[in-house]
Amino acid sequence: MNPSENRRHQRVQFFLVPLGTHEIRPVWVFNSPEHADALPALLVNLSTGGLQVLTELESEMPSGQYQLSFLPDEAQPDMTLGDCHIQLLWSEREAGMHTRSGFAFTGQIPADLQNLLTHEDAAKLFLRCVIMPVSEVVNRDLETA
């Protein structure tokens, strides 16, 4: 069996993101090999209270704590964001296209994300990311240690 067939999540995820009332932007999220078991996502809303992400429609996320890791973006090559730990608050299917989930930060908001909050276009940012349950992150770290 091909190892790629054992993946839990797709390597590429496509989102159609509404922008206002008459425009839709296509966004692709390419998962990196180091995050092969993580769920590709798109951060669409960021505030001091938490964040919202879009994931594939079929993805089931049980309540719990997760690690969100940002993926490099060729459109913004100088921006590197660190990982953050988040707690799932709610999740709902949206327009038959994807699932929108709301998360709260479980600790202090990372400084690089704090800087984004002060950016005038923070509400319009779409950031490619992956989400993985904290328990899987711990297990992966133990395997590579």
C-alpha atoms as a PDB file:
ATOM      1  CA  MET A   1       0.000   0.000   0.000  1.00  0.00           C
ATOM      2  CA  ASN A   2       1.228   3.437  -0.882  1.00  0.00           C
ATOM      3  CA  PRO A   3       2.121   5.437   2.304  1.00  0.00           C
ATOM      4  CA  SER A   4       0.195   8.451   0.968  1.00  0.00           C
ATOM      5  CA  GLU A   5      -2.992   6.362   1.171  1.00  0.00           C
ATOM      6  CA  ASN A   6      -2.517   6.145   4.946  1.00  0.00           C
ATOM      7  CA  ARG A   7      -2.818   9.913   5.411  1.00  0.00           C
ATOM      8  CA  ARG A   8      -5.647  11.009   7.640  1.00  0.00           C
ATOM      9  CA  HIS A   9      -6.077  14.361   5.871  1.00  0.00           C
ATOM     10  CA  GLN A  10      -5.556  15.550   2.327  1.00  0.00           C
ATOM     11  CA  ARG A  11      -2.293  17.178   1.346  1.00  0.00           C
ATOM     12  CA  VAL A  12      -4.168  19.967  -0.493  1.00  0.00           C
ATOM     13  CA  GLN A  13      -7.401  21.691   0.502  1.00  0.00           C
ATOM     14  CA  PHE A  14      -9.368  24.177  -1.604  1.00  0.00           C
ATOM     15  CA  PHE A  15     -11.592  26.907  -0.155  1.00  0.00           C
ATOM     16  CA  LEU A  16     -13.940  29.392  -1.809  1.00  0.00           C
ATOM     17  CA  VAL A  17     -13.914  32.366   0.548  1.00  0.00           C
ATOM     18  CA  PRO A  18     -16.680  34.989   0.223  1.00  0.00           C
ATOM     19  CA  LEU A  19     -15.445  38.587   0.092  1.00  0.00           C
ATOM     20  CA  GLY A  20     -18.398  40.889   0.502  1.00  0.00           C
ATOM     21  CA  THR A  21     -21.609  40.225  -1.393  1.00  0.00           C
ATOM     22  CA  HIS A  22     -20.409  39.720  -4.968  1.00  0.00           C
ATOM     23  CA  GLU A  23     -16.885  38.325  -4.826  1.00  0.00           C
ATOM     24  CA  ILE A  24     -15.438  34.927  -3.965  1.00  0.00           C
ATOM     25  CA  ARG A  25     -11.718  34.248  -3.650  1.00  0.00           C
ATOM     26  CA  PRO A  26     -10.297  30.781  -4.314  1.00  0.00           C
ATOM     27  CA  VAL A  27      -7.621  29.811  -1.779  1.00  0.00           C
ATOM     28  CA  TRP A  28      -5.479  26.662  -1.818  1.00  0.00           C
ATOM     29  CA  VAL A  29      -3.785  25.278   1.312  1.00  0.00           C
ATOM     30  CA  PHE A  30      -0.876  22.942   0.594  1.00  0.00           C
ATOM     31  CA  ASN A  31       0.088  20.816   3.574  1.00  0.00           C
ATOM     32  CA  SER A  32       3.834  20.373   4.148  1.00  0.00           C
ATOM     33  CA  PRO A  33       5.389  16.907   4.623  1.00  0.00           C
ATOM     34  CA  GLU A  34       6.248  17.710   8.246  1.00  0.00           C
ATOM     35  CA  HIS A  35       2.530  18.248   8.936  1.00  0.00           C
ATOM     36  CA  ALA A  36       1.296  15.227   6.948  1.00  0.00           C
ATOM     37  CA  ASP A  37      -1.156  14.152   9.679  1.00  0.00           C
ATOM     38  CA  ALA A  38      -2.464  17.650  10.404  1.00  0.00           C
ATOM     39  CA  LEU A  39      -5.736  19.112   9.143  1.00  0.00           C
ATOM     40  CA  PRO A  40      -5.211  21.837   6.490  1.00  0.00           C
ATOM     41  CA  ALA A  41      -7.078  25.023   7.429  1.00  0.00           C
ATOM     42  CA  LEU A  42      -7.465  28.675   6.584  1.00  0.00           C
ATOM     43  CA  LEU A  43      -7.490  31.317   9.325  1.00  0.00           C
ATOM     44  CA  VAL A  44     -10.193  33.820   8.378  1.00  0.00           C
ATOM     45  CA  ASN A  45     -10.754  35.823  11.567  1.00  0.00           C
ATOM     46  CA  LEU A  46      -8.302  36.875  14.270  1.00  0.00           C
ATOM     47  CA  SER A  47      -9.003  38.877  17.429  1.00  0.00           C
ATOM     48  CA  THR A  48      -7.756  39.127  21.006  1.00  0.00           C
ATOM     49  CA  GLY A  49     -10.584  36.746  21.973  1.00  0.00           C
ATOM     50  CA  GLY A  50      -9.489  34.007  19.593  1.00  0.00           C
ATOM     51  CA  LEU A  51      -9.671  32.995  15.970  1.00  0.00           C
ATOM     52  CA  GLN A  52     -11.855  31.313  13.364  1.00  0.00           C
ATOM     53  CA  VAL A  53     -10.687  28.823  10.770  1.00  0.00           C
ATOM     54  CA  LEU A  54     -12.189  27.053   7.788  1.00  0.00           C
ATOM     55  CA  THR A  55     -11.581  23.331   7.304  1.00  0.00           C
ATOM     56  CA  GLU A  56     -12.903  20.717   4.891  1.00  0.00           C
ATOM     57  CA  LEU A  57     -16.620  20.032   5.226  1.00  0.00           C
ATOM     58  CA  GLU A  58     -16.173  16.413   6.303  1.00  0.00           C
ATOM     59  CA  SER A  59     -13.630  17.136   9.048  1.00  0.00           C
ATOM     60  CA  GLU A  60     -14.787  16.246  12.550  1.00  0.00           C
ATOM     61  CA  MET A  61     -12.984  18.018  15.370  1.00  0.00           C
ATOM     62  CA  PRO A  62     -13.802  16.796  18.846  1.00  0.00           C
ATOM     63  CA  SER A  63     -13.677  19.378  21.620  1.00  0.00           C
ATOM     64  CA  GLY A  64     -10.238  19.749  23.096  1.00  0.00           C
ATOM     65  CA  GLN A  65      -6.954  21.550  22.733  1.00  0.00           C
ATOM     66  CA  TYR A  66      -5.139  21.923  19.442  1.00  0.00           C
ATOM     67  CA  GLN A  67      -1.911  23.312  18.081  1.00  0.00           C
ATOM     68  CA  LEU A  68      -2.236  25.683  15.136  1.00  0.00           C
ATOM     69  CA  SER A  69       0.862  25.953  12.926  1.00  0.00           C
ATOM     70  CA  PHE A  70       1.121  28.538  10.185  1.00  0.00           C
ATOM     71  CA  LEU A  71       2.348  27.515   6.752  1.00  0.00           C
ATOM     72  CA  PRO A  72       4.736  29.631   4.672  1.00  0.00           C
ATOM     73  CA  ASP A  73       2.983  31.929   2.218  1.00  0.00           C
ATOM     74  CA  GLU A  74       4.697  32.930  -1.035  1.00  0.00           C
ATOM     75  CA  ALA A  75       2.583  36.110  -1.109  1.00  0.00           C
ATOM     76  CA  GLN A  76       4.093  37.180   2.235  1.00  0.00           C
ATOM     77  CA  PRO A  77       7.573  35.555   2.333  1.00  0.00           C
ATOM     78  CA  ASP A  78       8.891  37.780   5.152  1.00  0.00           C
ATOM     79  CA  MET A  79       6.086  36.876   7.553  1.00  0.00           C
ATOM     80  CA  THR A  80       6.816  33.941   9.830  1.00  0.00           C
ATOM     81  CA  LEU A  81       4.387  33.113  12.599  1.00  0.00           C
ATOM     82  CA  GLY A  82       4.985  30.744  15.484  1.00  0.00           C
ATOM     83  CA  ASP A  83       2.721  27.936  16.620  1.00  0.00           C
ATOM     84  CA  CYS A  84      -0.053  28.635  19.105  1.00  0.00           C
ATOM     85  CA  HIS A  85      -2.225  26.494  21.345  1.00  0.00           C
ATOM     86  CA  ILE A  86      -5.964  26.886  21.071  1.00  0.00           C
ATOM     87  CA  GLN A  87      -9.175  25.422  22.545  1.00  0.00           C
ATOM     88  CA  LEU A  88     -12.113  24.518  20.301  1.00  0.00           C
ATOM     89  CA  LEU A  89     -15.246  26.455  21.334  1.00  0.00           C
ATOM     90  CA  TRP A  90     -17.678  25.735  18.501  1.00  0.00           C
ATOM     91  CA  SER A  91     -17.874  24.307  15.013  1.00  0.00           C
ATOM     92  CA  GLU A  92     -20.537  24.597  12.294  1.00  0.00           C
ATOM     93  CA  ARG A  93     -20.939  23.606   8.677  1.00  0.00           C
ATOM     94  CA  GLU A  94     -21.200  26.602   6.419  1.00  0.00           C
ATOM     95  CA  ALA A  95     -22.946  26.817   3.038  1.00  0.00           C
ATOM     96  CA  GLY A  96     -22.259  23.167   2.249  1.00  0.00           C
ATOM     97  CA  MET A  97     -18.683  24.142   1.356  1.00  0.00           C
ATOM     98  CA  HIS A  98     -16.593  23.943   4.520  1.00  0.00           C
ATOM     99  CA  THR A  99     -16.681  23.889   8.314  1.00  0.00           C
ATOM    100  CA  ARG A 100     -16.066  27.099  10.298  1.00  0.00           C
ATOM    101  CA  SER A 101     -14.697  26.632  13.806  1.00  0.00           C
ATOM    102  CA  GLY A 102     -14.071  29.109  16.599  1.00  0.00           C
ATOM    103  CA  PHE A 103     -11.136  28.769  18.990  1.00  0.00           C
ATOM    104  CA  ALA A 104      -9.847  30.611  22.050  1.00  0.00           C
ATOM    105  CA  PHE A 105      -6.163  30.964  22.869  1.00  0.00           C
ATOM    106  CA  THR A 106      -5.199  28.713  25.790  1.00  0.00           C
ATOM    107  CA  GLY A 107      -2.363  30.927  26.941  1.00  0.00           C
ATOM    108  CA  GLN A 108      -0.846  34.235  26.073  1.00  0.00           C
ATOM    109  CA  ILE A 109      -1.300  35.261  22.448  1.00  0.00           C
ATOM    110  CA  PRO A 110       2.058  34.814  20.684  1.00  0.00           C
ATOM    111  CA  ALA A 111       3.848  38.136  20.080  1.00  0.00           C
ATOM    112  CA  ASP A 112       3.878  37.745  16.296  1.00  0.00           C
ATOM    113  CA  LEU A 113       0.078  37.310  16.304  1.00  0.00           C
ATOM    114  CA  GLN A 114      -0.269  40.289  18.660  1.00  0.00           C
ATOM    115  CA  ASN A 115       1.540  42.351  16.019  1.00  0.00           C
ATOM    116  CA  LEU A 116      -0.936  41.170  13.368  1.00  0.00           C
ATOM    117  CA  LEU A 117      -3.862  42.332  15.514  1.00  0.00           C
ATOM    118  CA  THR A 118      -2.638  45.917  15.241  1.00  0.00           C
ATOM    119  CA  HIS A 119      -2.376  45.677  11.446  1.00  0.00           C
ATOM    120  CA  GLU A 120      -5.063  47.758   9.731  1.00  0.00           C
ATOM    121  CA  ASP A 121      -6.065  44.866   7.448  1.00  0.00           C
ATOM    122  CA  ALA A 122      -6.063  42.176  10.172  1.00  0.00           C
ATOM    123  CA  ALA A 123      -9.737  41.395   9.580  1.00  0.00           C
ATOM    124  CA  LYS A 124      -9.066  40.788   5.872  1.00  0.00           C
ATOM    125  CA  LEU A 125      -6.110  38.423   6.258  1.00  0.00           C
ATOM    126  CA  PHE A 126      -6.337  34.819   5.126  1.00  0.00           C
ATOM    127  CA  LEU A 127      -3.540  32.753   6.634  1.00  0.00           C
ATOM    128  CA  ARG A 128      -2.835  29.181   5.596  1.00  0.00           C
ATOM    129  CA  CYS A 129      -2.341  26.873   8.551  1.00  0.00           C
ATOM    130  CA  VAL A 130      -2.704  23.329   9.871  1.00  0.00           C
ATOM    131  CA  ILE A 131      -4.389  22.090  13.035  1.00  0.00           C
ATOM    132  CA  MET A 132      -3.411  19.074  15.101  1.00  0.00           C
ATOM    133  CA  PRO A 133      -4.682  17.847  18.493  1.00  0.00           C
ATOM    134  CA  VAL A 134      -2.136  18.642  21.222  1.00  0.00           C
ATOM    135  CA  SER A 135      -1.933  14.933  22.160  1.00  0.00           C
ATOM    136  CA  GLU A 136      -0.709  14.091  18.626  1.00  0.00           C
ATOM    137  CA  VAL A 137       1.849  16.911  18.760  1.00  0.00           C
ATOM    138  CA  VAL A 138       3.245  15.507  22.011  1.00  0.00           C
ATOM    139  CA  ASN A 139       3.399  11.971  20.565  1.00  0.00           C
ATOM    140  CA  ARG A 140       5.128  13.232  17.385  1.00  0.00           C
ATOM    141  CA  ASP A 141       7.685  15.164  19.449  1.00  0.00           C
ATOM    142  CA  LEU A 142       8.441  12.077  21.540  1.00  0.00           C
ATOM    143  CA  GLU A 143       8.986   9.998  18.392  1.00  0.00           C
ATOM    144  CA  THR A 144      11.464  12.492  16.935  1.00  0.00           C
ATOM    145  CA  ALA A 145      13.359  13.036  20.199  1.00  0.00           C
END
